[in-house]
Amino acid sequence: MILKSISKTAREAIKPPFTLEFPEEREDLVDNYRGIHKLDMQTCISCGACARICPNQCIDMVDTFTEKGVKKMPQVNLERCLFCADCEEVCPTHCLILTKDTSFEAFDRRDLIKRPEDLK
């Protein structure tokens, strides 16, 4: 019985790992995958529709300095986001989209709040 357990453990130890060698190898993403938001600050009209439609209220309209002066732009809290894409669908100018970018890990929770300048 002990030899059987040892042989099974030895067989499992020489098998290759099941996990990917992240970040060198990345998993292939499906076409409808939703990742971090991207904002085109030039076409945003500051309507606030994305903030109103968000089911988790993770989008706030904050003052942002642009070439044309101060403008209200969406700030996204990725910690609370469901990635449902309601904000993308309701945007009249399609300036807020969800990309396939999955690299938004952070050590501090405050780093998951992305200001409009960070969503480029």
PDB file of N, CA and C in Angstrom:
ATOM      1  N   MET A   1       0.818  -1.195   0.000  1.00  0.00           N
ATOM      2  CA  MET A   1       0.000   0.000   0.000  1.00  0.00           C
ATOM      3  C   MET A   1       0.865   1.262   0.000  1.00  0.00           C
ATOM      4  N   ILE A   2       1.907   1.260   0.788  1.00  0.00           N
ATOM      5  CA  ILE A   2       2.803   2.413   0.828  1.00  0.00           C
ATOM      6  C   ILE A   2       3.543   2.549  -0.497  1.00  0.00           C
ATOM      7  N   LEU A   3       3.965   1.419  -1.082  1.00  0.00           N
ATOM      8  CA  LEU A   3       4.663   1.473  -2.368  1.00  0.00           C
ATOM      9  C   LEU A   3       3.744   1.993  -3.468  1.00  0.00           C
ATOM     10  N   LYS A   4       2.482   1.636  -3.404  1.00  0.00           N
ATOM     11  CA  LYS A   4       1.520   2.120  -4.389  1.00  0.00           C
ATOM     12  C   LYS A   4       1.381   3.637  -4.299  1.00  0.00           C
ATOM     13  N   SER A   5       1.316   4.182  -3.106  1.00  0.00           N
ATOM     14  CA  SER A   5       1.215   5.627  -2.902  1.00  0.00           C
ATOM     15  C   SER A   5       2.471   6.342  -3.372  1.00  0.00           C
ATOM     16  N   ILE A   6       3.623   5.765  -3.078  1.00  0.00           N
ATOM     17  CA  ILE A   6       4.888   6.374  -3.495  1.00  0.00           C
ATOM     18  C   ILE A   6       5.010   6.366  -5.017  1.00  0.00           C
ATOM     19  N   SER A   7       4.614   5.282  -5.662  1.00  0.00           N
ATOM     20  CA  SER A   7       4.721   5.219  -7.119  1.00  0.00           C
ATOM     21  C   SER A   7       3.751   6.208  -7.774  1.00  0.00           C
ATOM     22  N   LYS A   8       2.567   6.348  -7.212  1.00  0.00           N
ATOM     23  CA  LYS A   8       1.607   7.320  -7.760  1.00  0.00           C
ATOM     24  C   LYS A   8       2.137   8.749  -7.591  1.00  0.00           C
ATOM     25  N   THR A   9       2.731   9.038  -6.460  1.00  0.00           N
ATOM     26  CA  THR A   9       3.308  10.358  -6.215  1.00  0.00           C
ATOM     27  C   THR A   9       4.455  10.624  -7.176  1.00  0.00           C
ATOM     28  N   ALA A  10       5.287   9.631  -7.431  1.00  0.00           N
ATOM     29  CA  ALA A  10       6.410   9.790  -8.357  1.00  0.00           C
ATOM     30  C   ALA A  10       5.909  10.052  -9.776  1.00  0.00           C
ATOM     31  N   ARG A  11       4.866   9.331 -10.205  1.00  0.00           N
ATOM     32  CA  ARG A  11       4.312   9.556 -11.543  1.00  0.00           C
ATOM     33  C   ARG A  11       3.766  10.978 -11.678  1.00  0.00           C
ATOM     34  N   GLU A  12       3.080  11.445 -10.659  1.00  0.00           N
ATOM     35  CA  GLU A  12       2.514  12.794 -10.701  1.00  0.00           C
ATOM     36  C   GLU A  12       3.602  13.861 -10.665  1.00  0.00           C
ATOM     37  N   ALA A  13       4.706  13.584  -9.996  1.00  0.00           N
ATOM     38  CA  ALA A  13       5.784  14.560  -9.874  1.00  0.00           C
ATOM     39  C   ALA A  13       6.516  14.798 -11.191  1.00  0.00           C
ATOM     40  N   ILE A  14       6.552  13.808 -12.068  1.00  0.00           N
ATOM     41  CA  ILE A  14       7.289  13.979 -13.324  1.00  0.00           C
ATOM     42  C   ILE A  14       6.402  14.475 -14.459  1.00  0.00           C
ATOM     43  N   LYS A  15       5.110  14.612 -14.231  1.00  0.00           N
ATOM     44  CA  LYS A  15       4.218  15.160 -15.245  1.00  0.00           C
ATOM     45  C   LYS A  15       4.489  16.653 -15.422  1.00  0.00           C
ATOM     46  N   PRO A  16       4.284  17.173 -16.646  1.00  0.00           N
ATOM     47  CA  PRO A  16       4.451  18.619 -16.840  1.00  0.00           C
ATOM     48  C   PRO A  16       3.338  19.385 -16.113  1.00  0.00           C
ATOM     49  N   PRO A  17       3.580  20.649 -15.761  1.00  0.00           N
ATOM     50  CA  PRO A  17       2.555  21.419 -15.040  1.00  0.00           C
ATOM     51  C   PRO A  17       1.355  21.729 -15.925  1.00  0.00           C
ATOM     52  N   PHE A  18       0.207  21.881 -15.290  1.00  0.00           N
ATOM     53  CA  PHE A  18      -1.024  22.217 -16.001  1.00  0.00           C
ATOM     54  C   PHE A  18      -1.158  23.717 -16.243  1.00  0.00           C
ATOM     55  N   THR A  19      -0.463  24.512 -15.472  1.00  0.00           N
ATOM     56  CA  THR A  19      -0.611  25.960 -15.563  1.00  0.00           C
ATOM     57  C   THR A  19       0.247  26.529 -16.685  1.00  0.00           C
ATOM     58  N   LEU A  20      -0.084  27.739 -17.105  1.00  0.00           N
ATOM     59  CA  LEU A  20       0.696  28.434 -18.106  1.00  0.00           C
ATOM     60  C   LEU A  20       1.885  29.111 -17.454  1.00  0.00           C
ATOM     61  N   GLU A  21       2.896  29.364 -18.232  1.00  0.00           N
ATOM     62  CA  GLU A  21       4.062  30.095 -17.741  1.00  0.00           C
ATOM     63  C   GLU A  21       3.794  31.587 -17.922  1.00  0.00           C
ATOM     64  N   PHE A  22       2.929  32.126 -17.067  1.00  0.00           N
ATOM     65  CA  PHE A  22       2.512  33.521 -17.156  1.00  0.00           C
ATOM     66  C   PHE A  22       3.655  34.416 -16.711  1.00  0.00           C
ATOM     67  N   PRO A  23       3.986  35.505 -17.320  1.00  0.00           N
ATOM     68  CA  PRO A  23       3.334  36.205 -18.417  1.00  0.00           C
ATOM     69  C   PRO A  23       3.886  35.862 -19.797  1.00  0.00           C
ATOM     70  N   GLU A  24       4.873  34.966 -19.895  1.00  0.00           N
ATOM     71  CA  GLU A  24       5.429  34.626 -21.198  1.00  0.00           C
ATOM     72  C   GLU A  24       4.395  33.943 -22.091  1.00  0.00           C
ATOM     73  N   GLU A  25       3.610  33.044 -21.535  1.00  0.00           N
ATOM     74  CA  GLU A  25       2.546  32.377 -22.266  1.00  0.00           C
ATOM     75  C   GLU A  25       1.214  32.917 -21.767  1.00  0.00           C
ATOM     76  N   ARG A  26       0.362  33.253 -22.690  1.00  0.00           N
ATOM     77  CA  ARG A  26      -0.968  33.747 -22.316  1.00  0.00           C
ATOM     78  C   ARG A  26      -2.027  32.888 -22.969  1.00  0.00           C
ATOM     79  N   GLU A  27      -3.117  32.756 -22.285  1.00  0.00           N
ATOM     80  CA  GLU A  27      -4.234  31.978 -22.786  1.00  0.00           C
ATOM     81  C   GLU A  27      -4.904  32.711 -23.943  1.00  0.00           C
ATOM     82  N   ASP A  28      -5.319  31.966 -24.952  1.00  0.00           N
ATOM     83  CA  ASP A  28      -6.048  32.567 -26.065  1.00  0.00           C
ATOM     84  C   ASP A  28      -7.433  32.986 -25.578  1.00  0.00           C
ATOM     85  N   LEU A  29      -7.811  34.214 -25.913  1.00  0.00           N
ATOM     86  CA  LEU A  29      -9.084  34.755 -25.462  1.00  0.00           C
ATOM     87  C   LEU A  29     -10.129  34.618 -26.563  1.00  0.00           C
ATOM     88  N   VAL A  30     -11.342  34.379 -26.165  1.00  0.00           N
ATOM     89  CA  VAL A  30     -12.435  34.278 -27.128  1.00  0.00           C
ATOM     90  C   VAL A  30     -12.780  35.670 -27.660  1.00  0.00           C
ATOM     91  N   ASP A  31     -13.523  35.715 -28.752  1.00  0.00           N
ATOM     92  CA  ASP A  31     -13.822  36.987 -29.407  1.00  0.00           C
ATOM     93  C   ASP A  31     -14.651  37.927 -28.544  1.00  0.00           C
ATOM     94  N   ASN A  32     -15.544  37.400 -27.740  1.00  0.00           N
ATOM     95  CA  ASN A  32     -16.411  38.267 -26.942  1.00  0.00           C
ATOM     96  C   ASN A  32     -15.862  38.521 -25.535  1.00  0.00           C
ATOM     97  N   TYR A  33     -14.570  38.328 -25.316  1.00  0.00           N
ATOM     98  CA  TYR A  33     -13.964  38.591 -24.008  1.00  0.00           C
ATOM     99  C   TYR A  33     -13.942  40.093 -23.745  1.00  0.00           C
ATOM    100  N   ARG A  34     -14.173  40.470 -22.498  1.00  0.00           N
ATOM    101  CA  ARG A  34     -14.168  41.875 -22.115  1.00  0.00           C
ATOM    102  C   ARG A  34     -13.109  42.119 -21.054  1.00  0.00           C
ATOM    103  N   GLY A  35     -12.215  43.033 -21.336  1.00  0.00           N
ATOM    104  CA  GLY A  35     -11.160  43.383 -20.401  1.00  0.00           C
ATOM    105  C   GLY A  35     -11.280  44.831 -19.960  1.00  0.00           C
ATOM    106  N   ILE A  36     -10.135  45.450 -19.730  1.00  0.00           N
ATOM    107  CA  ILE A  36     -10.082  46.816 -19.211  1.00  0.00           C
ATOM    108  C   ILE A  36     -10.670  47.809 -20.216  1.00  0.00           C
ATOM    109  N   HIS A  37     -11.201  48.898 -19.703  1.00  0.00           N
ATOM    110  CA  HIS A  37     -11.836  49.928 -20.514  1.00  0.00           C
ATOM    111  C   HIS A  37     -10.788  50.765 -21.251  1.00  0.00           C
ATOM    112  N   LYS A  38     -11.203  51.301 -22.381  1.00  0.00           N
ATOM    113  CA  LYS A  38     -10.386  52.245 -23.132  1.00  0.00           C
ATOM    114  C   LYS A  38     -11.264  53.442 -23.456  1.00  0.00           C
ATOM    115  N   LEU A  39     -10.723  54.639 -23.240  1.00  0.00           N
ATOM    116  CA  LEU A  39     -11.489  55.868 -23.437  1.00  0.00           C
ATOM    117  C   LEU A  39     -10.793  56.749 -24.458  1.00  0.00           C
ATOM    118  N   ASP A  40     -11.555  57.188 -25.451  1.00  0.00           N
ATOM    119  CA  ASP A  40     -11.059  58.177 -26.405  1.00  0.00           C
ATOM    120  C   ASP A  40     -11.507  59.541 -25.892  1.00  0.00           C
ATOM    121  N   MET A  41     -10.580  60.266 -25.287  1.00  0.00           N
ATOM    122  CA  MET A  41     -10.916  61.534 -24.646  1.00  0.00           C
ATOM    123  C   MET A  41     -11.298  62.609 -25.657  1.00  0.00           C
ATOM    124  N   GLN A  42     -10.889  62.461 -26.904  1.00  0.00           N
ATOM    125  CA  GLN A  42     -11.210  63.469 -27.922  1.00  0.00           C
ATOM    126  C   GLN A  42     -12.688  63.423 -28.318  1.00  0.00           C
ATOM    127  N   THR A  43     -13.266  62.218 -28.335  1.00  0.00           N
ATOM    128  CA  THR A  43     -14.651  62.097 -28.801  1.00  0.00           C
ATOM    129  C   THR A  43     -15.673  62.040 -27.670  1.00  0.00           C
ATOM    130  N   CYS A  44     -15.231  61.980 -26.429  1.00  0.00           N
ATOM    131  CA  CYS A  44     -16.166  61.940 -25.299  1.00  0.00           C
ATOM    132  C   CYS A  44     -16.891  63.281 -25.192  1.00  0.00           C
ATOM    133  N   ILE A  45     -18.209  63.223 -25.091  1.00  0.00           N
ATOM    134  CA  ILE A  45     -19.010  64.445 -25.011  1.00  0.00           C
ATOM    135  C   ILE A  45     -19.506  64.726 -23.590  1.00  0.00           C
ATOM    136  N   SER A  46     -19.015  63.990 -22.621  1.00  0.00           N
ATOM    137  CA  SER A  46     -19.341  64.196 -21.196  1.00  0.00           C
ATOM    138  C   SER A  46     -20.829  64.085 -20.906  1.00  0.00           C
ATOM    139  N   CYS A  47     -21.497  63.153 -21.563  1.00  0.00           N
ATOM    140  CA  CYS A  47     -22.944  63.012 -21.361  1.00  0.00           C
ATOM    141  C   CYS A  47     -23.277  62.288 -20.050  1.00  0.00           C
ATOM    142  N   GLY A  48     -22.374  61.436 -19.568  1.00  0.00           N
ATOM    143  CA  GLY A  48     -22.606  60.727 -18.316  1.00  0.00           C
ATOM    144  C   GLY A  48     -23.511  59.526 -18.440  1.00  0.00           C
ATOM    145  N   ALA A  49     -23.830  59.106 -19.649  1.00  0.00           N
ATOM    146  CA  ALA A  49     -24.703  57.951 -19.842  1.00  0.00           C
ATOM    147  C   ALA A  49     -24.066  56.681 -19.296  1.00  0.00           C
ATOM    148  N   CYS A  50     -22.752  56.562 -19.424  1.00  0.00           N
ATOM    149  CA  CYS A  50     -22.055  55.375 -18.920  1.00  0.00           C
ATOM    150  C   CYS A  50     -22.165  55.282 -17.400  1.00  0.00           C
ATOM    151  N   ALA A  51     -22.075  56.404 -16.726  1.00  0.00           N
ATOM    152  CA  ALA A  51     -22.170  56.416 -15.261  1.00  0.00           C
ATOM    153  C   ALA A  51     -23.590  56.090 -14.802  1.00  0.00           C
ATOM    154  N   ARG A  52     -24.581  56.543 -15.538  1.00  0.00           N
ATOM    155  CA  ARG A  52     -25.970  56.290 -15.146  1.00  0.00           C
ATOM    156  C   ARG A  52     -26.383  54.844 -15.392  1.00  0.00           C
ATOM    157  N   ILE A  53     -25.871  54.214 -16.441  1.00  0.00           N
ATOM    158  CA  ILE A  53     -26.299  52.860 -16.794  1.00  0.00           C
ATOM    159  C   ILE A  53     -25.565  51.783 -15.992  1.00  0.00           C
ATOM    160  N   CYS A  54     -24.433  52.099 -15.403  1.00  0.00           N
ATOM    161  CA  CYS A  54     -23.599  51.101 -14.720  1.00  0.00           C
ATOM    162  C   CYS A  54     -24.350  50.467 -13.546  1.00  0.00           C
ATOM    163  N   PRO A  55     -24.532  49.138 -13.545  1.00  0.00           N
ATOM    164  CA  PRO A  55     -25.289  48.497 -12.468  1.00  0.00           C
ATOM    165  C   PRO A  55     -24.582  48.514 -11.117  1.00  0.00           C
ATOM    166  N   ASN A  56     -23.271  48.607 -11.105  1.00  0.00           N
ATOM    167  CA  ASN A  56     -22.524  48.631  -9.843  1.00  0.00           C
ATOM    168  C   ASN A  56     -22.055  50.018  -9.446  1.00  0.00           C
ATOM    169  N   GLN A  57     -22.448  51.040 -10.191  1.00  0.00           N
ATOM    170  CA  GLN A  57     -21.999  52.410  -9.961  1.00  0.00           C
ATOM    171  C   GLN A  57     -20.473  52.486  -9.837  1.00  0.00           C
ATOM    172  N   CYS A  58     -19.776  51.799 -10.737  1.00  0.00           N
ATOM    173  CA  CYS A  58     -18.310  51.844 -10.691  1.00  0.00           C
ATOM    174  C   CYS A  58     -17.755  52.948 -11.582  1.00  0.00           C
ATOM    175  N   ILE A  59     -18.600  53.684 -12.285  1.00  0.00           N
ATOM    176  CA  ILE A  59     -18.147  54.787 -13.125  1.00  0.00           C
ATOM    177  C   ILE A  59     -18.613  56.098 -12.504  1.00  0.00           C
ATOM    178  N   ASP A  60     -17.661  56.997 -12.278  1.00  0.00           N
ATOM    179  CA  ASP A  60     -17.955  58.336 -11.771  1.00  0.00           C
ATOM    180  C   ASP A  60     -17.474  59.346 -12.801  1.00  0.00           C
ATOM    181  N   MET A  61     -18.206  60.420 -12.945  1.00  0.00           N
ATOM    182  CA  MET A  61     -17.785  61.496 -13.834  1.00  0.00           C
ATOM    183  C   MET A  61     -16.931  62.470 -13.024  1.00  0.00           C
ATOM    184  N   VAL A  62     -15.678  62.637 -13.429  1.00  0.00           N
ATOM    185  CA  VAL A  62     -14.736  63.492 -12.699  1.00  0.00           C
ATOM    186  C   VAL A  62     -14.221  64.590 -13.628  1.00  0.00           C
ATOM    187  N   ASP A  63     -13.789  65.691 -13.021  1.00  0.00           N
ATOM    188  CA  ASP A  63     -13.216  66.795 -13.797  1.00  0.00           C
ATOM    189  C   ASP A  63     -11.860  66.380 -14.346  1.00  0.00           C
ATOM    190  N   THR A  64     -11.657  66.640 -15.651  1.00  0.00           N
ATOM    191  CA  THR A  64     -10.416  66.308 -16.324  1.00  0.00           C
ATOM    192  C   THR A  64      -9.982  67.511 -17.144  1.00  0.00           C
ATOM    193  N   PHE A  65      -8.693  67.810 -17.093  1.00  0.00           N
ATOM    194  CA  PHE A  65      -8.160  68.931 -17.860  1.00  0.00           C
ATOM    195  C   PHE A  65      -7.829  68.470 -19.274  1.00  0.00           C
ATOM    196  N   THR A  66      -8.391  69.146 -20.263  1.00  0.00           N
ATOM    197  CA  THR A  66      -8.127  68.863 -21.671  1.00  0.00           C
ATOM    198  C   THR A  66      -7.634  70.145 -22.336  1.00  0.00           C
ATOM    199  N   GLU A  67      -7.364  70.045 -23.645  1.00  0.00           N
ATOM    200  CA  GLU A  67      -6.928  71.233 -24.388  1.00  0.00           C
ATOM    201  C   GLU A  67      -8.026  72.291 -24.422  1.00  0.00           C
ATOM    202  N   LYS A  68      -9.267  71.857 -24.353  1.00  0.00           N
ATOM    203  CA  LYS A  68     -10.410  72.766 -24.435  1.00  0.00           C
ATOM    204  C   LYS A  68     -10.897  73.234 -23.071  1.00  0.00           C
ATOM    205  N   GLY A  69     -10.189  72.873 -22.025  1.00  0.00           N
ATOM    206  CA  GLY A  69     -10.586  73.281 -20.685  1.00  0.00           C
ATOM    207  C   GLY A  69     -10.954  72.079 -19.827  1.00  0.00           C
ATOM    208  N   VAL A  70     -11.685  72.353 -18.756  1.00  0.00           N
ATOM    209  CA  VAL A  70     -12.095  71.295 -17.841  1.00  0.00           C
ATOM    210  C   VAL A  70     -13.342  70.618 -18.394  1.00  0.00           C
ATOM    211  N   LYS A  71     -13.306  69.298 -18.380  1.00  0.00           N
ATOM    212  CA  LYS A  71     -14.395  68.505 -18.942  1.00  0.00           C
ATOM    213  C   LYS A  71     -14.673  67.328 -18.006  1.00  0.00           C
ATOM    214  N   LYS A  72     -15.930  66.929 -17.874  1.00  0.00           N
ATOM    215  CA  LYS A  72     -16.286  65.754 -17.071  1.00  0.00           C
ATOM    216  C   LYS A  72     -16.035  64.500 -17.913  1.00  0.00           C
ATOM    217  N   MET A  73     -15.260  63.557 -17.361  1.00  0.00           N
ATOM    218  CA  MET A  73     -14.938  62.315 -18.062  1.00  0.00           C
ATOM    219  C   MET A  73     -15.145  61.141 -17.100  1.00  0.00           C
ATOM    220  N   PRO A  74     -15.362  59.934 -17.638  1.00  0.00           N
ATOM    221  CA  PRO A  74     -15.590  58.778 -16.761  1.00  0.00           C
ATOM    222  C   PRO A  74     -14.325  58.268 -16.091  1.00  0.00           C
ATOM    223  N   GLN A  75     -14.448  58.001 -14.817  1.00  0.00           N
ATOM    224  CA  GLN A  75     -13.403  57.343 -14.028  1.00  0.00           C
ATOM    225  C   GLN A  75     -13.962  55.975 -13.646  1.00  0.00           C
ATOM    226  N   VAL A  76     -13.197  54.898 -13.904  1.00  0.00           N
ATOM    227  CA  VAL A  76     -13.706  53.541 -13.735  1.00  0.00           C
ATOM    228  C   VAL A  76     -13.014  52.858 -12.558  1.00  0.00           C
ATOM    229  N   ASN A  77     -13.811  52.279 -11.674  1.00  0.00           N
ATOM    230  CA  ASN A  77     -13.299  51.484 -10.565  1.00  0.00           C
ATOM    231  C   ASN A  77     -13.338  50.016 -11.012  1.00  0.00           C
ATOM    232  N   LEU A  78     -12.198  49.475 -11.420  1.00  0.00           N
ATOM    233  CA  LEU A  78     -12.136  48.109 -11.939  1.00  0.00           C
ATOM    234  C   LEU A  78     -12.413  47.059 -10.875  1.00  0.00           C
ATOM    235  N   GLU A  79     -12.251  47.418  -9.625  1.00  0.00           N
ATOM    236  CA  GLU A  79     -12.511  46.471  -8.541  1.00  0.00           C
ATOM    237  C   GLU A  79     -13.997  46.123  -8.459  1.00  0.00           C
ATOM    238  N   ARG A  80     -14.850  47.066  -8.773  1.00  0.00           N
ATOM    239  CA  ARG A  80     -16.294  46.851  -8.677  1.00  0.00           C
ATOM    240  C   ARG A  80     -16.938  46.495 -10.006  1.00  0.00           C
ATOM    241  N   CYS A  81     -16.197  46.614 -11.098  1.00  0.00           N
ATOM    242  CA  CYS A  81     -16.769  46.446 -12.437  1.00  0.00           C
ATOM    243  C   CYS A  81     -17.130  44.989 -12.719  1.00  0.00           C
ATOM    244  N   LEU A  82     -18.281  44.797 -13.344  1.00  0.00           N
ATOM    245  CA  LEU A  82     -18.742  43.468 -13.767  1.00  0.00           C
ATOM    246  C   LEU A  82     -18.294  43.131 -15.184  1.00  0.00           C
ATOM    247  N   PHE A  83     -17.776  44.118 -15.915  1.00  0.00           N
ATOM    248  CA  PHE A  83     -17.400  43.970 -17.322  1.00  0.00           C
ATOM    249  C   PHE A  83     -18.599  43.512 -18.144  1.00  0.00           C
ATOM    250  N   CYS A  84     -19.744  44.108 -17.872  1.00  0.00           N
ATOM    251  CA  CYS A  84     -20.989  43.751 -18.549  1.00  0.00           C
ATOM    252  C   CYS A  84     -21.123  44.449 -19.896  1.00  0.00           C
ATOM    253  N   ALA A  85     -20.351  45.487 -20.131  1.00  0.00           N
ATOM    254  CA  ALA A  85     -20.327  46.267 -21.376  1.00  0.00           C
ATOM    255  C   ALA A  85     -21.583  47.109 -21.577  1.00  0.00           C
ATOM    256  N   ASP A  86     -22.359  47.358 -20.538  1.00  0.00           N
ATOM    257  CA  ASP A  86     -23.500  48.265 -20.665  1.00  0.00           C
ATOM    258  C   ASP A  86     -23.022  49.675 -20.991  1.00  0.00           C
ATOM    259  N   CYS A  87     -21.894  50.085 -20.394  1.00  0.00           N
ATOM    260  CA  CYS A  87     -21.359  51.421 -20.648  1.00  0.00           C
ATOM    261  C   CYS A  87     -20.931  51.567 -22.105  1.00  0.00           C
ATOM    262  N   GLU A  88     -20.391  50.517 -22.665  1.00  0.00           N
ATOM    263  CA  GLU A  88     -19.968  50.539 -24.070  1.00  0.00           C
ATOM    264  C   GLU A  88     -21.175  50.642 -25.002  1.00  0.00           C
ATOM    265  N   GLU A  89     -22.234  49.920 -24.681  1.00  0.00           N
ATOM    266  CA  GLU A  89     -23.421  49.913 -25.526  1.00  0.00           C
ATOM    267  C   GLU A  89     -24.184  51.233 -25.493  1.00  0.00           C
ATOM    268  N   VAL A  90     -24.198  51.902 -24.341  1.00  0.00           N
ATOM    269  CA  VAL A  90     -24.995  53.120 -24.208  1.00  0.00           C
ATOM    270  C   VAL A  90     -24.246  54.373 -24.679  1.00  0.00           C
ATOM    271  N   CYS A  91     -22.950  54.299 -24.870  1.00  0.00           N
ATOM    272  CA  CYS A  91     -22.153  55.472 -25.249  1.00  0.00           C
ATOM    273  C   CYS A  91     -22.533  55.935 -26.660  1.00  0.00           C
ATOM    274  N   PRO A  92     -23.031  57.164 -26.804  1.00  0.00           N
ATOM    275  CA  PRO A  92     -23.478  57.621 -28.125  1.00  0.00           C
ATOM    276  C   PRO A  92     -22.344  57.839 -29.121  1.00  0.00           C
ATOM    277  N   THR A  93     -21.151  58.165 -28.653  1.00  0.00           N
ATOM    278  CA  THR A  93     -20.020  58.399 -29.563  1.00  0.00           C
ATOM    279  C   THR A  93     -19.070  57.212 -29.629  1.00  0.00           C
ATOM    280  N   HIS A  94     -19.360  56.153 -28.892  1.00  0.00           N
ATOM    281  CA  HIS A  94     -18.519  54.946 -28.837  1.00  0.00           C
ATOM    282  C   HIS A  94     -17.079  55.271 -28.439  1.00  0.00           C
ATOM    283  N   CYS A  95     -16.933  56.195 -27.502  1.00  0.00           N
ATOM    284  CA  CYS A  95     -15.594  56.564 -27.038  1.00  0.00           C
ATOM    285  C   CYS A  95     -15.128  55.674 -25.888  1.00  0.00           C
ATOM    286  N   LEU A  96     -16.037  54.990 -25.222  1.00  0.00           N
ATOM    287  CA  LEU A  96     -15.691  54.079 -24.127  1.00  0.00           C
ATOM    288  C   LEU A  96     -15.937  52.653 -24.602  1.00  0.00           C
ATOM    289  N   ILE A  97     -14.854  51.881 -24.711  1.00  0.00           N
ATOM    290  CA  ILE A  97     -14.974  50.498 -25.163  1.00  0.00           C
ATOM    291  C   ILE A  97     -14.234  49.588 -24.191  1.00  0.00           C
ATOM    292  N   LEU A  98     -14.564  48.318 -24.221  1.00  0.00           N
ATOM    293  CA  LEU A  98     -13.863  47.331 -23.412  1.00  0.00           C
ATOM    294  C   LEU A  98     -12.923  46.558 -24.323  1.00  0.00           C
ATOM    295  N   THR A  99     -11.659  46.506 -23.948  1.00  0.00           N
ATOM    296  CA  THR A  99     -10.641  45.839 -24.751  1.00  0.00           C
ATOM    297  C   THR A  99     -10.453  44.411 -24.262  1.00  0.00           C
ATOM    298  N   LYS A 100      -9.497  43.711 -24.841  1.00  0.00           N
ATOM    299  CA  LYS A 100      -9.147  42.364 -24.391  1.00  0.00           C
ATOM    300  C   LYS A 100      -7.939  42.377 -23.449  1.00  0.00           C
ATOM    301  N   ASP A 101      -7.543  43.549 -23.000  1.00  0.00           N
ATOM    302  CA  ASP A 101      -6.384  43.681 -22.114  1.00  0.00           C
ATOM    303  C   ASP A 101      -6.725  43.138 -20.728  1.00  0.00           C
ATOM    304  N   THR A 102      -5.945  42.187 -20.268  1.00  0.00           N
ATOM    305  CA  THR A 102      -6.194  41.566 -18.963  1.00  0.00           C
ATOM    306  C   THR A 102      -5.162  41.963 -17.918  1.00  0.00           C
ATOM    307  N   SER A 103      -4.285  42.889 -18.241  1.00  0.00           N
ATOM    308  CA  SER A 103      -3.190  43.215 -17.319  1.00  0.00           C
ATOM    309  C   SER A 103      -3.544  44.425 -16.456  1.00  0.00           C
ATOM    310  N   PHE A 104      -4.444  44.231 -15.523  1.00  0.00           N
ATOM    311  CA  PHE A 104      -4.774  45.313 -14.602  1.00  0.00           C
ATOM    312  C   PHE A 104      -4.682  44.852 -13.155  1.00  0.00           C
ATOM    313  N   GLU A 105      -3.665  44.052 -12.862  1.00  0.00           N
ATOM    314  CA  GLU A 105      -3.453  43.625 -11.488  1.00  0.00           C
ATOM    315  C   GLU A 105      -2.791  44.753 -10.697  1.00  0.00           C
ATOM    316  N   ALA A 106      -3.003  44.754  -9.394  1.00  0.00           N
ATOM    317  CA  ALA A 106      -2.467  45.811  -8.549  1.00  0.00           C
ATOM    318  C   ALA A 106      -2.249  45.285  -7.133  1.00  0.00           C
ATOM    319  N   PHE A 107      -1.315  45.912  -6.442  1.00  0.00           N
ATOM    320  CA  PHE A 107      -1.068  45.567  -5.052  1.00  0.00           C
ATOM    321  C   PHE A 107      -1.901  46.417  -4.109  1.00  0.00           C
ATOM    322  N   ASP A 108      -2.314  47.570  -4.585  1.00  0.00           N
ATOM    323  CA  ASP A 108      -3.107  48.498  -3.779  1.00  0.00           C
ATOM    324  C   ASP A 108      -4.466  48.685  -4.461  1.00  0.00           C
ATOM    325  N   ARG A 109      -5.525  48.650  -3.699  1.00  0.00           N
ATOM    326  CA  ARG A 109      -6.874  48.776  -4.251  1.00  0.00           C
ATOM    327  C   ARG A 109      -7.083  50.105  -4.964  1.00  0.00           C
ATOM    328  N   ARG A 110      -6.400  51.131  -4.517  1.00  0.00           N
ATOM    329  CA  ARG A 110      -6.552  52.447  -5.137  1.00  0.00           C
ATOM    330  C   ARG A 110      -6.016  52.473  -6.563  1.00  0.00           C
ATOM    331  N   ASP A 111      -5.113  51.548  -6.898  1.00  0.00           N
ATOM    332  CA  ASP A 111      -4.582  51.476  -8.257  1.00  0.00           C
ATOM    333  C   ASP A 111      -5.601  50.918  -9.242  1.00  0.00           C
ATOM    334  N   LEU A 112      -6.674  50.323  -8.754  1.00  0.00           N
ATOM    335  CA  LEU A 112      -7.715  49.789  -9.624  1.00  0.00           C
ATOM    336  C   LEU A 112      -8.757  50.838 -10.011  1.00  0.00           C
ATOM    337  N   ILE A 113      -8.623  52.040  -9.462  1.00  0.00           N
ATOM    338  CA  ILE A 113      -9.480  53.156  -9.870  1.00  0.00           C
ATOM    339  C   ILE A 113      -8.730  53.892 -10.972  1.00  0.00           C
ATOM    340  N   LYS A 114      -9.254  53.796 -12.188  1.00  0.00           N
ATOM    341  CA  LYS A 114      -8.576  54.348 -13.354  1.00  0.00           C
ATOM    342  C   LYS A 114      -9.185  55.688 -13.748  1.00  0.00           C
ATOM    343  N   ARG A 115      -8.360  56.708 -13.690  1.00  0.00           N
ATOM    344  CA  ARG A 115      -8.787  58.036 -14.123  1.00  0.00           C
ATOM    345  C   ARG A 115      -8.868  58.075 -15.644  1.00  0.00           C
ATOM    346  N   PRO A 116      -9.547  59.046 -16.207  1.00  0.00           N
ATOM    347  CA  PRO A 116      -9.679  59.115 -17.670  1.00  0.00           C
ATOM    348  C   PRO A 116      -8.326  59.107 -18.399  1.00  0.00           C
ATOM    349  N   GLU A 117      -7.328  59.733 -17.805  1.00  0.00           N
ATOM    350  CA  GLU A 117      -6.013  59.757 -18.434  1.00  0.00           C
ATOM    351  C   GLU A 117      -5.386  58.361 -18.485  1.00  0.00           C
ATOM    352  N   ASP A 118      -5.752  57.498 -17.553  1.00  0.00           N
ATOM    353  CA  ASP A 118      -5.202  56.144 -17.486  1.00  0.00           C
ATOM    354  C   ASP A 118      -5.918  55.174 -18.425  1.00  0.00           C
ATOM    355  N   LEU A 119      -7.045  55.568 -18.966  1.00  0.00           N
ATOM    356  CA  LEU A 119      -7.845  54.677 -19.812  1.00  0.00           C
ATOM    357  C   LEU A 119      -7.536  54.836 -21.291  1.00  0.00           C
ATOM    358  N   LYS A 120      -6.390  55.373 -21.623  1.00  0.00           N
ATOM    359  CA  LYS A 120      -6.022  55.543 -23.029  1.00  0.00           C
ATOM    360  C   LYS A 120      -5.571  54.256 -23.649  1.00  0.00           C
TER     361      LYS A 120
END
